Amino acid sequence: MTSGALALALSILSTASSAMAQSNGQPMQVYSTRMQALFVRLDANRDGRLDPGELQGRRALERRLRRTKGRTYLLIEDLSVPAAQPSGQRLKRRFHKADLNGDKSLSRVEAAAIPWIGRHFDRLDGDRDGGVTLAELWNLQRSLAPRQRRP
């Protein structure tokens, strides 16, 4: 095992519980920390890469590997969520276009520009503050995703 891989593994494992505690319910931060810990656990040969043999039975990770261009392994960066933000580029573009006042939240009037959000505004406004944010949309999307079956 390289010293870099060892340092990475120790860093992730030692900060995982504190990151979860400090996340204050931020699901993407918790998710990212869990994915990093999973990476370390699955990296059997401790080379800092997840090869197809290390991914067997993990269908979501196998699909992610197929999406990498020309690589036969996953890196920890492939599992991290950048900046703990929703990643749907199309949704982000439409959201920012509809957010006329630029406050990063859609009011009921602004949400009418995206019909699906306008129709389901009350359900999407998770914290009942009168606005729908990208984070609330992401939380709903994650809650609708099918659960990963264990092998």
C-alpha atoms as a PDB file:
ATOM      1  CA  MET A   1       0.000   0.000   0.000  1.00  0.00           C
ATOM      2  CA  THR A   2       1.306   3.425  -0.886  1.00  0.00           C
ATOM      3  CA  SER A   3       1.703   6.011   1.827  1.00  0.00           C
ATOM      4  CA  GLY A   4      -0.724   8.303  -0.038  1.00  0.00           C
ATOM      5  CA  ALA A   5      -3.443   5.647  -0.060  1.00  0.00           C
ATOM      6  CA  LEU A   6      -2.861   4.919   3.621  1.00  0.00           C
ATOM      7  CA  ALA A   7      -3.033   8.599   4.507  1.00  0.00           C
ATOM      8  CA  LEU A   8      -6.243   8.978   2.508  1.00  0.00           C
ATOM      9  CA  ALA A   9      -7.833   5.952   4.186  1.00  0.00           C
ATOM     10  CA  LEU A  10      -6.911   7.103   7.679  1.00  0.00           C
ATOM     11  CA  SER A  11      -8.082  10.630   6.979  1.00  0.00           C
ATOM     12  CA  ILE A  12     -11.468   9.494   5.718  1.00  0.00           C
ATOM     13  CA  LEU A  13     -12.060   6.981   8.478  1.00  0.00           C
ATOM     14  CA  SER A  14     -11.001   9.323  11.252  1.00  0.00           C
ATOM     15  CA  THR A  15     -13.192  12.189  10.053  1.00  0.00           C
ATOM     16  CA  ALA A  16     -16.247  10.203   8.967  1.00  0.00           C
ATOM     17  CA  SER A  17     -18.076  10.317  12.282  1.00  0.00           C
ATOM     18  CA  SER A  18     -17.260  13.959  12.954  1.00  0.00           C
ATOM     19  CA  ALA A  19     -18.339  14.968   9.449  1.00  0.00           C
ATOM     20  CA  MET A  20     -21.659  13.218   9.927  1.00  0.00           C
ATOM     21  CA  ALA A  21     -22.161  14.897  13.272  1.00  0.00           C
ATOM     22  CA  GLN A  22     -21.312  18.331  11.868  1.00  0.00           C
ATOM     23  CA  SER A  23     -23.489  17.953   8.775  1.00  0.00           C
ATOM     24  CA  ASN A  24     -26.577  19.188  10.632  1.00  0.00           C
ATOM     25  CA  GLY A  25     -28.798  17.017   8.493  1.00  0.00           C
ATOM     26  CA  GLN A  26     -27.172  17.916   5.179  1.00  0.00           C
ATOM     27  CA  PRO A  27     -27.864  14.668   3.331  1.00  0.00           C
ATOM     28  CA  MET A  28     -25.303  15.206   0.579  1.00  0.00           C
ATOM     29  CA  GLN A  29     -22.476  15.722   3.081  1.00  0.00           C
ATOM     30  CA  VAL A  30     -23.474  12.560   4.901  1.00  0.00           C
ATOM     31  CA  TYR A  31     -23.811  10.697   1.601  1.00  0.00           C
ATOM     32  CA  SER A  32     -20.393  11.852   0.402  1.00  0.00           C
ATOM     33  CA  THR A  33     -18.757  10.794   3.668  1.00  0.00           C
ATOM     34  CA  ARG A  34     -20.435   7.392   3.526  1.00  0.00           C
ATOM     35  CA  MET A  35     -19.312   6.890  -0.080  1.00  0.00           C
ATOM     36  CA  GLN A  36     -15.707   7.722   0.833  1.00  0.00           C
ATOM     37  CA  ALA A  37     -15.793   5.249   3.724  1.00  0.00           C
ATOM     38  CA  LEU A  38     -17.277   2.615   1.388  1.00  0.00           C
ATOM     39  CA  PHE A  39     -14.474   3.262  -1.099  1.00  0.00           C
ATOM     40  CA  VAL A  40     -11.832   2.633   1.563  1.00  0.00           C
ATOM     41  CA  ARG A  41     -13.621  -0.518   2.739  1.00  0.00           C
ATOM     42  CA  LEU A  42     -13.933  -1.948  -0.794  1.00  0.00           C
ATOM     43  CA  ASP A  43     -10.360  -1.129  -1.862  1.00  0.00           C
ATOM     44  CA  ALA A  44      -9.066  -4.608  -0.962  1.00  0.00           C
ATOM     45  CA  ASN A  45      -5.570  -4.168  -2.404  1.00  0.00           C
ATOM     46  CA  ARG A  46      -5.254  -0.602  -1.018  1.00  0.00           C
ATOM     47  CA  ASP A  47      -4.078   0.858  -4.332  1.00  0.00           C
ATOM     48  CA  GLY A  48      -6.439   3.848  -4.223  1.00  0.00           C
ATOM     49  CA  ARG A  49      -8.558   2.398  -7.037  1.00  0.00           C
ATOM     50  CA  LEU A  50     -11.644   0.232  -7.201  1.00  0.00           C
ATOM     51  CA  ASP A  51     -11.159  -2.395  -9.889  1.00  0.00           C
ATOM     52  CA  PRO A  52     -14.047  -4.435 -11.369  1.00  0.00           C
ATOM     53  CA  GLY A  53     -13.236  -7.353  -9.041  1.00  0.00           C
ATOM     54  CA  GLU A  54     -13.599  -5.107  -5.994  1.00  0.00           C
ATOM     55  CA  LEU A  55     -16.986  -3.879  -7.250  1.00  0.00           C
ATOM     56  CA  GLN A  56     -18.639  -7.273  -7.780  1.00  0.00           C
ATOM     57  CA  GLY A  57     -22.194  -7.302  -6.539  1.00  0.00           C
ATOM     58  CA  ARG A  58     -22.317  -3.511  -6.154  1.00  0.00           C
ATOM     59  CA  ARG A  59     -24.535  -2.709  -9.121  1.00  0.00           C
ATOM     60  CA  ALA A  60     -24.604   1.053  -8.627  1.00  0.00           C
ATOM     61  CA  LEU A  61     -20.807   1.209  -8.502  1.00  0.00           C
ATOM     62  CA  GLU A  62     -20.517  -1.124 -11.494  1.00  0.00           C
ATOM     63  CA  ARG A  63     -22.793   1.241 -13.465  1.00  0.00           C
ATOM     64  CA  ARG A  64     -20.690   4.186 -12.382  1.00  0.00           C
ATOM     65  CA  LEU A  65     -17.570   2.378 -13.605  1.00  0.00           C
ATOM     66  CA  ARG A  66     -19.187   1.851 -17.015  1.00  0.00           C
ATOM     67  CA  ARG A  67     -19.753   5.632 -17.240  1.00  0.00           C
ATOM     68  CA  THR A  68     -16.048   6.435 -16.837  1.00  0.00           C
ATOM     69  CA  LYS A  69     -14.464   7.187 -20.176  1.00  0.00           C
ATOM     70  CA  GLY A  70     -11.694   4.755 -21.060  1.00  0.00           C
ATOM     71  CA  ARG A  71     -10.885   3.745 -17.462  1.00  0.00           C
ATOM     72  CA  THR A  72     -11.177   0.306 -15.938  1.00  0.00           C
ATOM     73  CA  TYR A  73     -11.245   1.507 -12.318  1.00  0.00           C
ATOM     74  CA  LEU A  74     -12.945   4.055 -10.055  1.00  0.00           C
ATOM     75  CA  LEU A  75     -11.158   6.730  -8.077  1.00  0.00           C
ATOM     76  CA  ILE A  76     -12.452   8.233  -4.851  1.00  0.00           C
ATOM     77  CA  GLU A  77     -13.260  11.437  -6.768  1.00  0.00           C
ATOM     78  CA  ASP A  78     -15.711   9.425  -8.878  1.00  0.00           C
ATOM     79  CA  LEU A  79     -17.799   8.734  -5.752  1.00  0.00           C
ATOM     80  CA  SER A  80     -17.652  12.187  -4.209  1.00  0.00           C
ATOM     81  CA  VAL A  81     -20.426  14.686  -4.660  1.00  0.00           C
ATOM     82  CA  PRO A  82     -18.864  18.018  -5.600  1.00  0.00           C
ATOM     83  CA  ALA A  83     -19.851  20.793  -3.222  1.00  0.00           C
ATOM     84  CA  ALA A  84     -22.780  18.729  -1.922  1.00  0.00           C
ATOM     85  CA  GLN A  85     -25.054  20.229  -4.566  1.00  0.00           C
ATOM     86  CA  PRO A  86     -27.589  18.643  -6.872  1.00  0.00           C
ATOM     87  CA  SER A  87     -25.917  17.619 -10.106  1.00  0.00           C
ATOM     88  CA  GLY A  88     -28.717  17.837 -12.700  1.00  0.00           C
ATOM     89  CA  GLN A  89     -27.461  20.494 -15.097  1.00  0.00           C
ATOM     90  CA  ARG A  90     -30.795  20.866 -16.888  1.00  0.00           C
ATOM     91  CA  LEU A  91     -32.674  21.335 -13.606  1.00  0.00           C
ATOM     92  CA  LYS A  92     -30.085  23.870 -12.420  1.00  0.00           C
ATOM     93  CA  ARG A  93     -30.444  25.902 -15.632  1.00  0.00           C
ATOM     94  CA  ARG A  94     -34.241  25.916 -15.444  1.00  0.00           C
ATOM     95  CA  PHE A  95     -34.176  26.653 -11.723  1.00  0.00           C
ATOM     96  CA  HIS A  96     -31.839  29.655 -12.100  1.00  0.00           C
ATOM     97  CA  LYS A  97     -33.852  30.974 -15.042  1.00  0.00           C
ATOM     98  CA  ALA A  98     -37.055  30.773 -12.981  1.00  0.00           C
ATOM     99  CA  ASP A  99     -35.409  32.357  -9.898  1.00  0.00           C
ATOM    100  CA  LEU A 100     -36.107  35.931 -10.988  1.00  0.00           C
ATOM    101  CA  ASN A 101     -34.907  37.644  -7.800  1.00  0.00           C
ATOM    102  CA  GLY A 102     -31.772  35.486  -7.483  1.00  0.00           C
ATOM    103  CA  ASP A 103     -32.373  34.392  -3.877  1.00  0.00           C
ATOM    104  CA  LYS A 104     -31.703  30.693  -4.704  1.00  0.00           C
ATOM    105  CA  SER A 105     -35.274  29.821  -3.783  1.00  0.00           C
ATOM    106  CA  LEU A 106     -38.385  29.679  -5.948  1.00  0.00           C
ATOM    107  CA  SER A 107     -41.461  31.411  -4.600  1.00  0.00           C
ATOM    108  CA  ARG A 108     -44.862  30.080  -5.594  1.00  0.00           C
ATOM    109  CA  VAL A 109     -45.031  32.668  -8.413  1.00  0.00           C
ATOM    110  CA  GLU A 110     -41.523  31.856  -9.693  1.00  0.00           C
ATOM    111  CA  ALA A 111     -42.218  28.111  -9.478  1.00  0.00           C
ATOM    112  CA  ALA A 112     -45.052  28.500 -11.994  1.00  0.00           C
ATOM    113  CA  ALA A 113     -42.341  28.828 -14.682  1.00  0.00           C
ATOM    114  CA  ILE A 114     -41.554  25.125 -14.137  1.00  0.00           C
ATOM    115  CA  PRO A 115     -44.986  23.467 -14.284  1.00  0.00           C
ATOM    116  CA  TRP A 116     -44.111  20.329 -12.324  1.00  0.00           C
ATOM    117  CA  ILE A 117     -42.673  22.375  -9.450  1.00  0.00           C
ATOM    118  CA  GLY A 118     -45.642  24.743  -9.568  1.00  0.00           C
ATOM    119  CA  ARG A 119     -48.139  21.862  -9.333  1.00  0.00           C
ATOM    120  CA  HIS A 120     -46.334  20.173  -6.431  1.00  0.00           C
ATOM    121  CA  PHE A 121     -45.079  23.280  -4.640  1.00  0.00           C
ATOM    122  CA  ASP A 122     -46.494  22.446  -1.199  1.00  0.00           C
ATOM    123  CA  ARG A 123     -44.990  18.954  -1.212  1.00  0.00           C
ATOM    124  CA  LEU A 124     -41.613  20.219  -2.466  1.00  0.00           C
ATOM    125  CA  ASP A 125     -41.331  22.988   0.128  1.00  0.00           C
ATOM    126  CA  GLY A 126     -39.902  20.618   2.738  1.00  0.00           C
ATOM    127  CA  ASP A 127     -39.162  23.215   5.411  1.00  0.00           C
ATOM    128  CA  ARG A 128     -42.421  25.143   4.813  1.00  0.00           C
ATOM    129  CA  ASP A 129     -40.641  28.475   4.383  1.00  0.00           C
ATOM    130  CA  GLY A 130     -42.613  29.492   1.278  1.00  0.00           C
ATOM    131  CA  GLY A 131     -39.806  28.664  -1.166  1.00  0.00           C
ATOM    132  CA  VAL A 132     -38.384  25.639  -2.961  1.00  0.00           C
ATOM    133  CA  THR A 133     -34.596  25.305  -3.155  1.00  0.00           C
ATOM    134  CA  LEU A 134     -32.412  23.026  -5.262  1.00  0.00           C
ATOM    135  CA  ALA A 135     -31.503  21.122  -2.084  1.00  0.00           C
ATOM    136  CA  GLU A 136     -35.184  20.394  -1.403  1.00  0.00           C
ATOM    137  CA  LEU A 137     -35.594  19.123  -4.965  1.00  0.00           C
ATOM    138  CA  TRP A 138     -32.510  16.949  -4.551  1.00  0.00           C
ATOM    139  CA  ASN A 139     -33.820  15.515  -1.269  1.00  0.00           C
ATOM    140  CA  LEU A 140     -37.085  14.576  -2.938  1.00  0.00           C
ATOM    141  CA  GLN A 141     -35.249  12.949  -5.841  1.00  0.00           C
ATOM    142  CA  ARG A 142     -33.107  10.906  -3.438  1.00  0.00           C
ATOM    143  CA  SER A 143     -36.176   9.817  -1.461  1.00  0.00           C
ATOM    144  CA  LEU A 144     -37.789   8.490  -4.648  1.00  0.00           C
ATOM    145  CA  ALA A 145     -34.743   6.495  -5.755  1.00  0.00           C
ATOM    146  CA  PRO A 146     -35.027   2.748  -5.320  1.00  0.00           C
ATOM    147  CA  ARG A 147     -33.195   1.292  -2.351  1.00  0.00           C
ATOM    148  CA  GLN A 148     -29.972  -0.563  -3.125  1.00  0.00           C
ATOM    149  CA  ARG A 149     -30.381  -4.275  -2.539  1.00  0.00           C
ATOM    150  CA  ARG A 150     -27.652  -6.004  -0.595  1.00  0.00           C
ATOM    151  CA  PRO A 151     -26.164  -9.120  -2.218  1.00  0.00           C
END
